[in-house]
Amino acid sequence: MAFLPGPSRWQDLVALPLDRVGFVQFAHAPEPVSPDVHHESMHRRVLPARGVLDLDRFCATLVAKGYDGVVSVEPLSEAWRTADLHEFAAATLASSRSVWESATTRFG
């Protein structure tokens, strides 16, 4: 199911049976600067909590359903591809944890 942006609607996520969720993948994005969706998605993604997509609502919806499985992060960007691996891992963990724990605190 593709979300943020994607063809799915919030009611689709709410209706999705929890046993159909294998894992969750975060991919946050800033405001687009071009109409080239491929370039935007492959080179301009940002860490969770640093974009304009409604990642809080996405997480809160999954937490409210009882999801407690794997959450991976896909910040595809030119900047992160050349960053120090340890810096990347620490920043990704901190930002992802912040978003997920915020949803868990409110809805878990």
Protein backbone atom coordinates (compact mmCIF):
# COMPACT_ATOMS: atom_id res chain seq x y z
CA MET A 1 0.00 0.00 0.00
CA ALA A 2 1.55 3.31 -1.02
CA PHE A 3 0.97 6.37 1.11
CA LEU A 4 2.24 9.90 1.37
CA PRO A 5 1.91 10.52 -1.52
CA GLY A 6 0.24 7.61 -3.17
CA PRO A 7 -3.04 6.25 -4.42
CA SER A 8 -4.27 5.00 -1.03
CA ARG A 9 -6.59 6.99 1.18
CA TRP A 10 -6.63 7.25 4.98
CA GLN A 11 -9.75 5.08 5.17
CA ASP A 12 -7.83 2.39 3.26
CA LEU A 13 -5.15 2.35 5.97
CA VAL A 14 -7.76 2.30 8.74
CA ALA A 15 -9.56 -0.62 7.06
CA LEU A 16 -6.38 -2.60 6.38
CA PRO A 17 -6.29 -5.72 8.59
CA LEU A 18 -3.25 -5.64 10.86
CA ASP A 19 -2.23 -9.15 9.80
CA ARG A 20 -1.75 -7.78 6.26
CA VAL A 21 1.01 -5.39 7.42
CA GLY A 22 4.38 -7.11 6.99
CA PHE A 23 6.51 -4.08 7.81
CA VAL A 24 6.38 -0.31 7.68
CA GLN A 25 8.75 1.82 5.64
CA PHE A 26 9.18 5.54 6.32
CA ALA A 27 10.00 7.84 3.45
CA HIS A 28 9.51 11.51 4.22
CA ALA A 29 9.77 14.38 1.74
CA PRO A 30 10.14 18.15 1.64
CA GLU A 31 7.99 20.39 -0.53
CA PRO A 32 8.70 19.41 -4.13
CA VAL A 33 10.84 21.80 -6.16
CA SER A 34 10.09 20.19 -9.53
CA PRO A 35 7.35 18.18 -11.24
CA ASP A 36 9.80 15.29 -11.73
CA VAL A 37 8.39 12.78 -9.24
CA HIS A 38 11.16 10.27 -9.90
CA HIS A 39 13.91 12.80 -9.12
CA GLU A 40 12.04 14.04 -6.05
CA SER A 41 11.62 10.51 -4.67
CA MET A 42 15.15 9.33 -5.44
CA HIS A 43 17.20 12.38 -4.49
CA ARG A 44 15.29 14.70 -2.18
CA ARG A 45 13.83 12.65 0.66
CA VAL A 46 14.44 13.74 4.21
CA LEU A 47 14.56 12.09 7.61
CA PRO A 48 11.27 11.34 9.38
CA ALA A 49 9.81 14.41 11.09
CA ARG A 50 11.65 16.76 8.70
CA GLY A 51 9.22 16.72 5.79
CA VAL A 52 5.77 17.93 4.85
CA LEU A 53 3.91 14.62 4.62
CA ASP A 54 1.50 13.64 7.41
CA LEU A 55 3.80 11.02 8.90
CA ASP A 56 2.34 11.64 12.37
CA ARG A 57 -1.12 10.59 11.20
CA PHE A 58 0.34 7.59 9.38
CA CYS A 59 2.14 6.38 12.53
CA ALA A 60 -0.80 7.16 14.80
CA THR A 61 -3.13 5.14 12.58
CA LEU A 62 -0.82 2.12 12.70
CA VAL A 63 -0.19 2.43 16.44
CA ALA A 64 -3.94 2.68 17.10
CA LYS A 65 -4.36 -0.60 15.16
CA GLY A 66 -1.78 -2.22 17.45
CA TYR A 67 1.14 -2.44 15.02
CA ASP A 68 4.42 -3.17 16.78
CA GLY A 69 6.51 -4.68 14.01
CA VAL A 70 9.46 -3.66 11.88
CA VAL A 71 9.84 -0.02 10.84
CA SER A 72 12.48 0.70 8.22
CA VAL A 73 13.55 4.08 6.88
CA GLU A 74 14.22 5.04 3.29
CA PRO A 75 15.66 8.58 3.20
CA LEU A 76 16.87 8.56 -0.39
CA SER A 77 18.77 11.76 -0.92
CA GLU A 78 21.93 13.00 -2.49
CA ALA A 79 23.10 14.38 0.84
CA TRP A 80 22.62 11.18 2.85
CA ARG A 81 24.27 8.98 0.21
CA THR A 82 27.55 10.79 0.82
CA ALA A 83 27.22 11.22 4.59
CA ASP A 84 29.20 9.32 7.19
CA LEU A 85 27.51 5.97 7.84
CA HIS A 86 27.50 6.39 11.63
CA GLU A 87 26.04 9.89 11.34
CA PHE A 88 23.38 8.56 8.97
CA ALA A 89 22.45 5.68 11.28
CA ALA A 90 22.26 7.89 14.37
CA ALA A 91 20.17 10.57 12.63
CA THR A 92 17.83 8.01 11.09
CA LEU A 93 17.30 6.21 14.39
CA ALA A 94 16.71 9.42 16.36
CA SER A 95 14.25 10.93 13.89
CA SER A 96 12.34 7.66 13.35
CA ARG A 97 12.15 6.94 17.06
CA SER A 98 10.86 10.46 17.72
CA VAL A 99 7.99 10.11 15.24
CA TRP A 100 7.04 6.58 16.28
CA GLU A 101 7.26 7.22 20.03
CA SER A 102 5.17 10.37 19.68
CA ALA A 103 2.41 8.33 18.06
CA THR A 104 2.77 5.58 20.67
CA THR A 105 2.48 8.10 23.51
CA ARG A 106 -0.68 9.58 22.07
CA PHE A 107 -2.40 6.44 20.79
CA GLY A 108 -0.59 3.35 22.11
